[in-house]
Amino acid sequence: MVIAVILIAIFELTKIKLGYLRAPNYIYTYVSSFLLTAVALGIVSPVTTGKILALFGVISFITSDIILNYLYFKKVNPVRFRVFKYINILTYYLGQTLIALSIYFLI
């Protein structure tokens, strides 16, 4: 819950205009925070390569979601938009790849 509150506070402080998508966005933020918490707690007992990859994958994936909110719900100049879009794509695919790769090590 703490992670979700921090993310929602970031959205409010940066004045991201979510409009009618505020409630669904906050629900998604809560679910993403739960995913991050579950993966982080899973790493506590025997640390394995798969668990570390999953943790970094989820962090990367959530980072891409935060950047996506910033891109589509806040006015950004075109140069900054392009840079953030590349970072968003990079973090999204990195997260997906690390999560998928973690399955290989967890089996």
PDB file of N, CA and C in Angstrom:
ATOM      1  N   MET A   1       0.822  -1.184   0.000  1.00  0.00           N
ATOM      2  CA  MET A   1       0.000   0.000   0.000  1.00  0.00           C
ATOM      3  C   MET A   1       0.871   1.256   0.000  1.00  0.00           C
ATOM      4  N   VAL A   2       2.006   1.194   0.678  1.00  0.00           N
ATOM      5  CA  VAL A   2       2.901   2.351   0.758  1.00  0.00           C
ATOM      6  C   VAL A   2       3.417   2.721  -0.630  1.00  0.00           C
ATOM      7  N   ILE A   3       3.785   1.722  -1.410  1.00  0.00           N
ATOM      8  CA  ILE A   3       4.294   1.988  -2.761  1.00  0.00           C
ATOM      9  C   ILE A   3       3.210   2.649  -3.613  1.00  0.00           C
ATOM     10  N   ALA A   4       1.984   2.166  -3.510  1.00  0.00           N
ATOM     11  CA  ALA A   4       0.880   2.753  -4.277  1.00  0.00           C
ATOM     12  C   ALA A   4       0.652   4.201  -3.876  1.00  0.00           C
ATOM     13  N   VAL A   5       0.707   4.490  -2.590  1.00  0.00           N
ATOM     14  CA  VAL A   5       0.510   5.856  -2.118  1.00  0.00           C
ATOM     15  C   VAL A   5       1.632   6.761  -2.630  1.00  0.00           C
ATOM     16  N   ILE A   6       2.859   6.264  -2.622  1.00  0.00           N
ATOM     17  CA  ILE A   6       3.988   7.052  -3.134  1.00  0.00           C
ATOM     18  C   ILE A   6       3.802   7.349  -4.621  1.00  0.00           C
ATOM     19  N   LEU A   7       3.425   6.332  -5.396  1.00  0.00           N
ATOM     20  CA  LEU A   7       3.218   6.548  -6.831  1.00  0.00           C
ATOM     21  C   LEU A   7       2.077   7.523  -7.100  1.00  0.00           C
ATOM     22  N   ILE A   8       0.982   7.379  -6.362  1.00  0.00           N
ATOM     23  CA  ILE A   8      -0.145   8.295  -6.536  1.00  0.00           C
ATOM     24  C   ILE A   8       0.261   9.716  -6.140  1.00  0.00           C
ATOM     25  N   ALA A   9       1.054   9.859  -5.086  1.00  0.00           N
ATOM     26  CA  ALA A   9       1.545  11.184  -4.685  1.00  0.00           C
ATOM     27  C   ALA A   9       2.413  11.789  -5.779  1.00  0.00           C
ATOM     28  N   ILE A  10       3.229  10.971  -6.417  1.00  0.00           N
ATOM     29  CA  ILE A  10       4.058  11.459  -7.534  1.00  0.00           C
ATOM     30  C   ILE A  10       3.164  11.963  -8.663  1.00  0.00           C
ATOM     31  N   PHE A  11       2.098  11.212  -8.976  1.00  0.00           N
ATOM     32  CA  PHE A  11       1.181  11.650 -10.029  1.00  0.00           C
ATOM     33  C   PHE A  11       0.531  12.982  -9.663  1.00  0.00           C
ATOM     34  N   GLU A  12       0.148  13.145  -8.409  1.00  0.00           N
ATOM     35  CA  GLU A  12      -0.505  14.378  -7.977  1.00  0.00           C
ATOM     36  C   GLU A  12       0.479  15.554  -7.950  1.00  0.00           C
ATOM     37  N   LEU A  13       1.684  15.326  -7.444  1.00  0.00           N
ATOM     38  CA  LEU A  13       2.670  16.411  -7.342  1.00  0.00           C
ATOM     39  C   LEU A  13       3.162  16.894  -8.697  1.00  0.00           C
ATOM     40  N   THR A  14       3.232  15.989  -9.670  1.00  0.00           N
ATOM     41  CA  THR A  14       3.679  16.387 -11.005  1.00  0.00           C
ATOM     42  C   THR A  14       2.530  16.903 -11.857  1.00  0.00           C
ATOM     43  N   LYS A  15       1.341  16.971 -11.251  1.00  0.00           N
ATOM     44  CA  LYS A  15       0.147  17.524 -11.903  1.00  0.00           C
ATOM     45  C   LYS A  15      -0.193  16.819 -13.214  1.00  0.00           C
ATOM     46  N   ILE A  16      -0.143  15.506 -13.172  1.00  0.00           N
ATOM     47  CA  ILE A  16      -0.570  14.705 -14.320  1.00  0.00           C
ATOM     48  C   ILE A  16      -2.096  14.753 -14.372  1.00  0.00           C
ATOM     49  N   LYS A  17      -2.635  15.113 -15.514  1.00  0.00           N
ATOM     50  CA  LYS A  17      -4.083  15.271 -15.689  1.00  0.00           C
ATOM     51  C   LYS A  17      -4.693  13.942 -16.148  1.00  0.00           C
ATOM     52  N   LEU A  18      -5.149  13.128 -15.193  1.00  0.00           N
ATOM     53  CA  LEU A  18      -5.709  11.819 -15.522  1.00  0.00           C
ATOM     54  C   LEU A  18      -7.167  11.898 -15.939  1.00  0.00           C
ATOM     55  N   GLY A  19      -7.844  12.959 -15.554  1.00  0.00           N
ATOM     56  CA  GLY A  19      -9.240  13.139 -15.939  1.00  0.00           C
ATOM     57  C   GLY A  19     -10.114  11.998 -15.461  1.00  0.00           C
ATOM     58  N   TYR A  20     -10.994  11.503 -16.356  1.00  0.00           N
ATOM     59  CA  TYR A  20     -11.924  10.436 -15.987  1.00  0.00           C
ATOM     60  C   TYR A  20     -11.215   9.086 -15.821  1.00  0.00           C
ATOM     61  N   LEU A  21      -9.928   9.010 -16.172  1.00  0.00           N
ATOM     62  CA  LEU A  21      -9.173   7.768 -15.989  1.00  0.00           C
ATOM     63  C   LEU A  21      -8.434   7.715 -14.651  1.00  0.00           C
ATOM     64  N   ARG A  22      -8.720   8.660 -13.773  1.00  0.00           N
ATOM     65  CA  ARG A  22      -8.047   8.706 -12.465  1.00  0.00           C
ATOM     66  C   ARG A  22      -8.291   7.427 -11.674  1.00  0.00           C
ATOM     67  N   ALA A  23      -9.540   7.020 -11.501  1.00  0.00           N
ATOM     68  CA  ALA A  23      -9.848   5.825 -10.693  1.00  0.00           C
ATOM     69  C   ALA A  23      -9.235   4.554 -11.299  1.00  0.00           C
ATOM     70  N   PRO A  24      -9.427   4.282 -12.603  1.00  0.00           N
ATOM     71  CA  PRO A  24      -8.792   3.088 -13.161  1.00  0.00           C
ATOM     72  C   PRO A  24      -7.264   3.126 -13.063  1.00  0.00           C
ATOM     73  N   ASN A  25      -6.686   4.318 -13.213  1.00  0.00           N
ATOM     74  CA  ASN A  25      -5.235   4.451 -13.121  1.00  0.00           C
ATOM     75  C   ASN A  25      -4.758   4.151 -11.708  1.00  0.00           C
ATOM     76  N   TYR A  26      -5.482   4.619 -10.716  1.00  0.00           N
ATOM     77  CA  TYR A  26      -5.097   4.358  -9.329  1.00  0.00           C
ATOM     78  C   TYR A  26      -5.279   2.884  -8.977  1.00  0.00           C
ATOM     79  N   ILE A  27      -6.305   2.250  -9.507  1.00  0.00           N
ATOM     80  CA  ILE A  27      -6.481   0.811  -9.290  1.00  0.00           C
ATOM     81  C   ILE A  27      -5.322   0.050  -9.913  1.00  0.00           C
ATOM     82  N   TYR A  28      -4.948   0.416 -11.132  1.00  0.00           N
ATOM     83  CA  TYR A  28      -3.814  -0.223 -11.796  1.00  0.00           C
ATOM     84  C   TYR A  28      -2.516   0.017 -11.015  1.00  0.00           C
ATOM     85  N   THR A  29      -2.364   1.210 -10.468  1.00  0.00           N
ATOM     86  CA  THR A  29      -1.190   1.521  -9.648  1.00  0.00           C
ATOM     87  C   THR A  29      -1.148   0.620  -8.421  1.00  0.00           C
ATOM     88  N   TYR A  30      -2.295   0.398  -7.795  1.00  0.00           N
ATOM     89  CA  TYR A  30      -2.351  -0.485  -6.634  1.00  0.00           C
ATOM     90  C   TYR A  30      -1.974  -1.915  -7.015  1.00  0.00           C
ATOM     91  N   VAL A  31      -2.501  -2.407  -8.121  1.00  0.00           N
ATOM     92  CA  VAL A  31      -2.195  -3.772  -8.575  1.00  0.00           C
ATOM     93  C   VAL A  31      -0.703  -3.906  -8.908  1.00  0.00           C
ATOM     94  N   SER A  32      -0.141  -2.911  -9.578  1.00  0.00           N
ATOM     95  CA  SER A  32       1.288  -2.927  -9.899  1.00  0.00           C
ATOM     96  C   SER A  32       2.135  -2.908  -8.634  1.00  0.00           C
ATOM     97  N   SER A  33       1.702  -2.131  -7.660  1.00  0.00           N
ATOM     98  CA  SER A  33       2.430  -2.064  -6.386  1.00  0.00           C
ATOM     99  C   SER A  33       2.361  -3.398  -5.656  1.00  0.00           C
ATOM    100  N   PHE A  34       1.209  -4.055  -5.736  1.00  0.00           N
ATOM    101  CA  PHE A  34       1.077  -5.380  -5.127  1.00  0.00           C
ATOM    102  C   PHE A  34       2.020  -6.374  -5.802  1.00  0.00           C
ATOM    103  N   LEU A  35       2.116  -6.304  -7.134  1.00  0.00           N
ATOM    104  CA  LEU A  35       3.038  -7.171  -7.874  1.00  0.00           C
ATOM    105  C   LEU A  35       4.472  -6.931  -7.416  1.00  0.00           C
ATOM    106  N   LEU A  36       4.871  -5.685  -7.315  1.00  0.00           N
ATOM    107  CA  LEU A  36       6.227  -5.352  -6.881  1.00  0.00           C
ATOM    108  C   LEU A  36       6.486  -5.857  -5.466  1.00  0.00           C
ATOM    109  N   THR A  37       5.526  -5.673  -4.579  1.00  0.00           N
ATOM    110  CA  THR A  37       5.676  -6.128  -3.201  1.00  0.00           C
ATOM    111  C   THR A  37       5.784  -7.644  -3.135  1.00  0.00           C
ATOM    112  N   ALA A  38       4.949  -8.350  -3.890  1.00  0.00           N
ATOM    113  CA  ALA A  38       4.986  -9.816  -3.886  1.00  0.00           C
ATOM    114  C   ALA A  38       6.331 -10.335  -4.386  1.00  0.00           C
ATOM    115  N   VAL A  39       6.845  -9.744  -5.444  1.00  0.00           N
ATOM    116  CA  VAL A  39       8.140 -10.169  -5.982  1.00  0.00           C
ATOM    117  C   VAL A  39       9.260  -9.827  -5.009  1.00  0.00           C
ATOM    118  N   ALA A  40       9.197  -8.651  -4.413  1.00  0.00           N
ATOM    119  CA  ALA A  40      10.240  -8.246  -3.459  1.00  0.00           C
ATOM    120  C   ALA A  40      10.231  -9.147  -2.223  1.00  0.00           C
ATOM    121  N   LEU A  41       9.057  -9.507  -1.732  1.00  0.00           N
ATOM    122  CA  LEU A  41       8.985 -10.392  -0.573  1.00  0.00           C
ATOM    123  C   LEU A  41       9.412 -11.814  -0.921  1.00  0.00           C
ATOM    124  N   GLY A  42       9.210 -12.212  -2.164  1.00  0.00           N
ATOM    125  CA  GLY A  42       9.623 -13.543  -2.606  1.00  0.00           C
ATOM    126  C   GLY A  42      11.127 -13.709  -2.662  1.00  0.00           C
ATOM    127  N   ILE A  43      11.841 -12.608  -2.717  1.00  0.00           N
ATOM    128  CA  ILE A  43      13.301 -12.667  -2.831  1.00  0.00           C
ATOM    129  C   ILE A  43      13.963 -12.824  -1.456  1.00  0.00           C
ATOM    130  N   VAL A  44      13.192 -12.659  -0.369  1.00  0.00           N
ATOM    131  CA  VAL A  44      13.756 -12.670   0.978  1.00  0.00           C
ATOM    132  C   VAL A  44      14.452 -13.988   1.308  1.00  0.00           C
ATOM    133  N   SER A  45      13.734 -15.089   1.183  1.00  0.00           N
ATOM    134  CA  SER A  45      14.392 -16.365   1.445  1.00  0.00           C
ATOM    135  C   SER A  45      15.072 -16.826   0.175  1.00  0.00           C
ATOM    136  N   PRO A  46      15.731 -17.922   0.145  1.00  0.00           N
ATOM    137  CA  PRO A  46      16.874 -18.132  -0.737  1.00  0.00           C
ATOM    138  C   PRO A  46      16.873 -17.285  -2.013  1.00  0.00           C
ATOM    139  N   VAL A  47      17.852 -16.424  -2.078  1.00  0.00           N
ATOM    140  CA  VAL A  47      18.008 -15.540  -3.233  1.00  0.00           C
ATOM    141  C   VAL A  47      18.513 -16.370  -4.404  1.00  0.00           C
ATOM    142  N   THR A  48      17.796 -16.275  -5.521  1.00  0.00           N
ATOM    143  CA  THR A  48      18.197 -16.985  -6.733  1.00  0.00           C
ATOM    144  C   THR A  48      18.280 -16.003  -7.896  1.00  0.00           C
ATOM    145  N   THR A  49      18.905 -16.434  -8.943  1.00  0.00           N
ATOM    146  CA  THR A  49      19.016 -15.599 -10.143  1.00  0.00           C
ATOM    147  C   THR A  49      17.644 -15.265 -10.697  1.00  0.00           C
ATOM    148  N   GLY A  50      16.750 -16.241 -10.709  1.00  0.00           N
ATOM    149  CA  GLY A  50      15.408 -16.019 -11.233  1.00  0.00           C
ATOM    150  C   GLY A  50      14.640 -14.969 -10.454  1.00  0.00           C
ATOM    151  N   LYS A  51      14.768 -14.999  -9.130  1.00  0.00           N
ATOM    152  CA  LYS A  51      14.070 -14.013  -8.296  1.00  0.00           C
ATOM    153  C   LYS A  51      14.630 -12.612  -8.509  1.00  0.00           C
ATOM    154  N   ILE A  52      15.929 -12.507  -8.658  1.00  0.00           N
ATOM    155  CA  ILE A  52      16.544 -11.199  -8.908  1.00  0.00           C
ATOM    156  C   ILE A  52      16.122 -10.665 -10.268  1.00  0.00           C
ATOM    157  N   LEU A  53      16.112 -11.533 -11.275  1.00  0.00           N
ATOM    158  CA  LEU A  53      15.674 -11.111 -12.609  1.00  0.00           C
ATOM    159  C   LEU A  53      14.213 -10.665 -12.578  1.00  0.00           C
ATOM    160  N   ALA A  54      13.376 -11.406 -11.863  1.00  0.00           N
ATOM    161  CA  ALA A  54      11.964 -11.037 -11.756  1.00  0.00           C
ATOM    162  C   ALA A  54      11.805  -9.682 -11.078  1.00  0.00           C
ATOM    163  N   LEU A  55      12.571  -9.445 -10.013  1.00  0.00           N
ATOM    164  CA  LEU A  55      12.487  -8.163  -9.303  1.00  0.00           C
ATOM    165  C   LEU A  55      12.887  -7.003 -10.209  1.00  0.00           C
ATOM    166  N   PHE A  56      14.012  -7.133 -10.883  1.00  0.00           N
ATOM    167  CA  PHE A  56      14.438  -6.057 -11.782  1.00  0.00           C
ATOM    168  C   PHE A  56      13.487  -5.906 -12.965  1.00  0.00           C
ATOM    169  N   GLY A  57      12.904  -7.007 -13.416  1.00  0.00           N
ATOM    170  CA  GLY A  57      11.917  -6.942 -14.497  1.00  0.00           C
ATOM    171  C   GLY A  57      10.676  -6.177 -14.091  1.00  0.00           C
ATOM    172  N   VAL A  58      10.177  -6.457 -12.894  1.00  0.00           N
ATOM    173  CA  VAL A  58       8.983  -5.759 -12.407  1.00  0.00           C
ATOM    174  C   VAL A  58       9.284  -4.281 -12.168  1.00  0.00           C
ATOM    175  N   ILE A  59      10.440  -3.976 -11.610  1.00  0.00           N
ATOM    176  CA  ILE A  59      10.825  -2.573 -11.406  1.00  0.00           C
ATOM    177  C   ILE A  59      10.897  -1.845 -12.744  1.00  0.00           C
ATOM    178  N   SER A  60      11.491  -2.479 -13.737  1.00  0.00           N
ATOM    179  CA  SER A  60      11.594  -1.876 -15.064  1.00  0.00           C
ATOM    180  C   SER A  60      10.213  -1.682 -15.689  1.00  0.00           C
ATOM    181  N   PHE A  61       9.347  -2.672 -15.537  1.00  0.00           N
ATOM    182  CA  PHE A  61       8.002  -2.608 -16.092  1.00  0.00           C
ATOM    183  C   PHE A  61       7.195  -1.477 -15.437  1.00  0.00           C
ATOM    184  N   ILE A  62       7.273  -1.359 -14.122  1.00  0.00           N
ATOM    185  CA  ILE A  62       6.556  -0.298 -13.417  1.00  0.00           C
ATOM    186  C   ILE A  62       7.121   1.074 -13.794  1.00  0.00           C
ATOM    187  N   THR A  63       8.424   1.145 -13.977  1.00  0.00           N
ATOM    188  CA  THR A  63       9.040   2.392 -14.429  1.00  0.00           C
ATOM    189  C   THR A  63       8.478   2.807 -15.788  1.00  0.00           C
ATOM    190  N   SER A  64       8.316   1.835 -16.678  1.00  0.00           N
ATOM    191  CA  SER A  64       7.755   2.154 -17.995  1.00  0.00           C
ATOM    192  C   SER A  64       6.319   2.657 -17.864  1.00  0.00           C
ATOM    193  N   ASP A  65       5.541   2.101 -16.918  1.00  0.00           N
ATOM    194  CA  ASP A  65       4.167   2.573 -16.703  1.00  0.00           C
ATOM    195  C   ASP A  65       4.133   3.996 -16.168  1.00  0.00           C
ATOM    196  N   ILE A  66       5.055   4.311 -15.270  1.00  0.00           N
ATOM    197  CA  ILE A  66       5.119   5.673 -14.736  1.00  0.00           C
ATOM    198  C   ILE A  66       5.450   6.656 -15.855  1.00  0.00           C
ATOM    199  N   ILE A  67       6.411   6.304 -16.684  1.00  0.00           N
ATOM    200  CA  ILE A  67       6.790   7.170 -17.808  1.00  0.00           C
ATOM    201  C   ILE A  67       5.632   7.303 -18.788  1.00  0.00           C
ATOM    202  N   LEU A  68       4.897   6.216 -19.000  1.00  0.00           N
ATOM    203  CA  LEU A  68       3.750   6.248 -19.906  1.00  0.00           C
ATOM    204  C   LEU A  68       2.678   7.213 -19.399  1.00  0.00           C
ATOM    205  N   ASN A  69       2.421   7.204 -18.100  1.00  0.00           N
ATOM    206  CA  ASN A  69       1.484   8.178 -17.528  1.00  0.00           C
ATOM    207  C   ASN A  69       1.959   9.598 -17.786  1.00  0.00           C
ATOM    208  N   TYR A  70       3.226   9.820 -17.592  1.00  0.00           N
ATOM    209  CA  TYR A  70       3.800  11.151 -17.804  1.00  0.00           C
ATOM    210  C   TYR A  70       3.674  11.566 -19.270  1.00  0.00           C
ATOM    211  N   LEU A  71       3.888  10.630 -20.188  1.00  0.00           N
ATOM    212  CA  LEU A  71       3.838  10.942 -21.618  1.00  0.00           C
ATOM    213  C   LEU A  71       2.431  11.296 -22.098  1.00  0.00           C
ATOM    214  N   TYR A  72       1.448  10.545 -21.656  1.00  0.00           N
ATOM    215  CA  TYR A  72       0.121  10.695 -22.238  1.00  0.00           C
ATOM    216  C   TYR A  72      -0.854  11.516 -21.415  1.00  0.00           C
ATOM    217  N   PHE A  73      -0.503  11.861 -20.187  1.00  0.00           N
ATOM    218  CA  PHE A  73      -1.414  12.642 -19.373  1.00  0.00           C
ATOM    219  C   PHE A  73      -0.828  13.974 -18.928  1.00  0.00           C
ATOM    220  N   LYS A  74       0.291  14.362 -19.480  1.00  0.00           N
ATOM    221  CA  LYS A  74       0.906  15.645 -19.141  1.00  0.00           C
ATOM    222  C   LYS A  74       1.448  16.259 -20.434  1.00  0.00           C
ATOM    223  N   LYS A  75       1.332  17.563 -20.546  1.00  0.00           N
ATOM    224  CA  LYS A  75       1.871  18.255 -21.713  1.00  0.00           C
ATOM    225  C   LYS A  75       3.394  18.242 -21.646  1.00  0.00           C
ATOM    226  N   VAL A  76       4.021  17.685 -22.691  1.00  0.00           N
ATOM    227  CA  VAL A  76       5.480  17.570 -22.746  1.00  0.00           C
ATOM    228  C   VAL A  76       5.931  18.107 -24.095  1.00  0.00           C
ATOM    229  N   ASN A  77       7.034  18.860 -24.106  1.00  0.00           N
ATOM    230  CA  ASN A  77       7.515  19.375 -25.386  1.00  0.00           C
ATOM    231  C   ASN A  77       7.974  18.205 -26.266  1.00  0.00           C
ATOM    232  N   PRO A  78       7.952  18.378 -27.590  1.00  0.00           N
ATOM    233  CA  PRO A  78       8.219  17.267 -28.517  1.00  0.00           C
ATOM    234  C   PRO A  78       9.576  16.584 -28.324  1.00  0.00           C
ATOM    235  N   VAL A  79      10.614  17.341 -28.022  1.00  0.00           N
ATOM    236  CA  VAL A  79      11.940  16.730 -27.843  1.00  0.00           C
ATOM    237  C   VAL A  79      11.937  15.849 -26.602  1.00  0.00           C
ATOM    238  N   ARG A  80      11.422  16.374 -25.514  1.00  0.00           N
ATOM    239  CA  ARG A  80      11.352  15.595 -24.270  1.00  0.00           C
ATOM    240  C   ARG A  80      10.437  14.385 -24.445  1.00  0.00           C
ATOM    241  N   PHE A  81       9.336  14.558 -25.179  1.00  0.00           N
ATOM    242  CA  PHE A  81       8.409  13.456 -25.442  1.00  0.00           C
ATOM    243  C   PHE A  81       9.133  12.312 -26.140  1.00  0.00           C
ATOM    244  N   ARG A  82       9.913  12.647 -27.147  1.00  0.00           N
ATOM    245  CA  ARG A  82      10.635  11.617 -27.900  1.00  0.00           C
ATOM    246  C   ARG A  82      11.641  10.876 -27.019  1.00  0.00           C
ATOM    247  N   VAL A  83      12.366  11.611 -26.204  1.00  0.00           N
ATOM    248  CA  VAL A  83      13.347  10.990 -25.301  1.00  0.00           C
ATOM    249  C   VAL A  83      12.640  10.065 -24.318  1.00  0.00           C
ATOM    250  N   PHE A  84      11.558  10.558 -23.702  1.00  0.00           N
ATOM    251  CA  PHE A  84      10.826   9.727 -22.746  1.00  0.00           C
ATOM    252  C   PHE A  84      10.179   8.519 -23.416  1.00  0.00           C
ATOM    253  N   LYS A  85       9.767   8.690 -24.664  1.00  0.00           N
ATOM    254  CA  LYS A  85       9.172   7.559 -25.379  1.00  0.00           C
ATOM    255  C   LYS A  85      10.209   6.455 -25.603  1.00  0.00           C
ATOM    256  N   TYR A  86      11.428   6.818 -25.964  1.00  0.00           N
ATOM    257  CA  TYR A  86      12.487   5.823 -26.122  1.00  0.00           C
ATOM    258  C   TYR A  86      12.806   5.143 -24.794  1.00  0.00           C
ATOM    259  N   ILE A  87      12.866   5.931 -23.731  1.00  0.00           N
ATOM    260  CA  ILE A  87      13.132   5.349 -22.409  1.00  0.00           C
ATOM    261  C   ILE A  87      11.988   4.421 -22.013  1.00  0.00           C
ATOM    262  N   ASN A  88      10.754   4.838 -22.325  1.00  0.00           N
ATOM    263  CA  ASN A  88       9.585   4.009 -22.024  1.00  0.00           C
ATOM    264  C   ASN A  88       9.648   2.673 -22.742  1.00  0.00           C
ATOM    265  N   ILE A  89       9.949   2.705 -24.019  1.00  0.00           N
ATOM    266  CA  ILE A  89      10.036   1.466 -24.800  1.00  0.00           C
ATOM    267  C   ILE A  89      11.160   0.583 -24.275  1.00  0.00           C
ATOM    268  N   LEU A  90      12.293   1.184 -23.975  1.00  0.00           N
ATOM    269  CA  LEU A  90      13.425   0.429 -23.451  1.00  0.00           C
ATOM    270  C   LEU A  90      13.077  -0.243 -22.123  1.00  0.00           C
ATOM    271  N   THR A  91      12.490   0.510 -21.192  1.00  0.00           N
ATOM    272  CA  THR A  91      12.174  -0.078 -19.890  1.00  0.00           C
ATOM    273  C   THR A  91      11.066  -1.126 -19.993  1.00  0.00           C
ATOM    274  N   TYR A  92      10.110  -0.920 -20.894  1.00  0.00           N
ATOM    275  CA  TYR A  92       9.032  -1.897 -21.077  1.00  0.00           C
ATOM    276  C   TYR A  92       9.589  -3.230 -21.576  1.00  0.00           C
ATOM    277  N   TYR A  93      10.345  -3.177 -22.663  1.00  0.00           N
ATOM    278  CA  TYR A  93      10.868  -4.431 -23.221  1.00  0.00           C
ATOM    279  C   TYR A  93      11.918  -5.068 -22.323  1.00  0.00           C
ATOM    280  N   LEU A  94      12.699  -4.263 -21.628  1.00  0.00           N
ATOM    281  CA  LEU A  94      13.651  -4.814 -20.671  1.00  0.00           C
ATOM    282  C   LEU A  94      12.903  -5.546 -19.560  1.00  0.00           C
ATOM    283  N   GLY A  95      11.851  -4.927 -19.044  1.00  0.00           N
ATOM    284  CA  GLY A  95      11.050  -5.553 -17.995  1.00  0.00           C
ATOM    285  C   GLY A  95      10.420  -6.852 -18.457  1.00  0.00           C
ATOM    286  N   GLN A  96       9.821  -6.846 -19.629  1.00  0.00           N
ATOM    287  CA  GLN A  96       9.194  -8.059 -20.162  1.00  0.00           C
ATOM    288  C   GLN A  96      10.217  -9.175 -20.366  1.00  0.00           C
ATOM    289  N   THR A  97      11.375  -8.800 -20.893  1.00  0.00           N
ATOM    290  CA  THR A  97      12.428  -9.788 -21.143  1.00  0.00           C
ATOM    291  C   THR A  97      12.944 -10.373 -19.839  1.00  0.00           C
ATOM    292  N   LEU A  98      13.188  -9.529 -18.844  1.00  0.00           N
ATOM    293  CA  LEU A  98      13.693 -10.023 -17.564  1.00  0.00           C
ATOM    294  C   LEU A  98      12.669 -10.905 -16.857  1.00  0.00           C
ATOM    295  N   ILE A  99      11.399 -10.536 -16.915  1.00  0.00           N
ATOM    296  CA  ILE A  99      10.357 -11.365 -16.302  1.00  0.00           C
ATOM    297  C   ILE A  99      10.278 -12.715 -17.001  1.00  0.00           C
ATOM    298  N   ALA A 100      10.302 -12.709 -18.329  1.00  0.00           N
ATOM    299  CA  ALA A 100      10.264 -13.971 -19.078  1.00  0.00           C
ATOM    300  C   ALA A 100      11.509 -14.816 -18.809  1.00  0.00           C
ATOM    301  N   LEU A 101      12.656 -14.172 -18.746  1.00  0.00           N
ATOM    302  CA  LEU A 101      13.905 -14.894 -18.487  1.00  0.00           C
ATOM    303  C   LEU A 101      13.927 -15.467 -17.059  1.00  0.00           C
ATOM    304  N   SER A 102      13.289 -14.785 -16.136  1.00  0.00           N
ATOM    305  CA  SER A 102      13.267 -15.290 -14.753  1.00  0.00           C
ATOM    306  C   SER A 102      12.566 -16.637 -14.651  1.00  0.00           C
ATOM    307  N   ILE A 103      11.600 -16.880 -15.515  1.00  0.00           N
ATOM    308  CA  ILE A 103      10.898 -18.169 -15.516  1.00  0.00           C
ATOM    309  C   ILE A 103      11.870 -19.302 -15.818  1.00  0.00           C
ATOM    310  N   TYR A 104      12.784 -19.059 -16.718  1.00  0.00           N
ATOM    311  CA  TYR A 104      13.783 -20.069 -17.057  1.00  0.00           C
ATOM    312  C   TYR A 104      14.602 -20.467 -15.832  1.00  0.00           C
ATOM    313  N   PHE A 105      14.967 -19.495 -15.017  1.00  0.00           N
ATOM    314  CA  PHE A 105      15.774 -19.770 -13.837  1.00  0.00           C
ATOM    315  C   PHE A 105      14.953 -20.259 -12.652  1.00  0.00           C
ATOM    316  N   LEU A 106      13.654 -20.019 -12.658  1.00  0.00           N
ATOM    317  CA  LEU A 106      12.819 -20.450 -11.541  1.00  0.00           C
ATOM    318  C   LEU A 106      12.348 -21.894 -11.683  1.00  0.00           C
ATOM    319  N   ILE A 107      12.384 -22.415 -12.869  1.00  0.00           N
ATOM    320  CA  ILE A 107      11.924 -23.791 -13.102  1.00  0.00           C
ATOM    321  C   ILE A 107      12.966 -24.788 -12.661  1.00  0.00           C
TER     322      ILE A 107
END
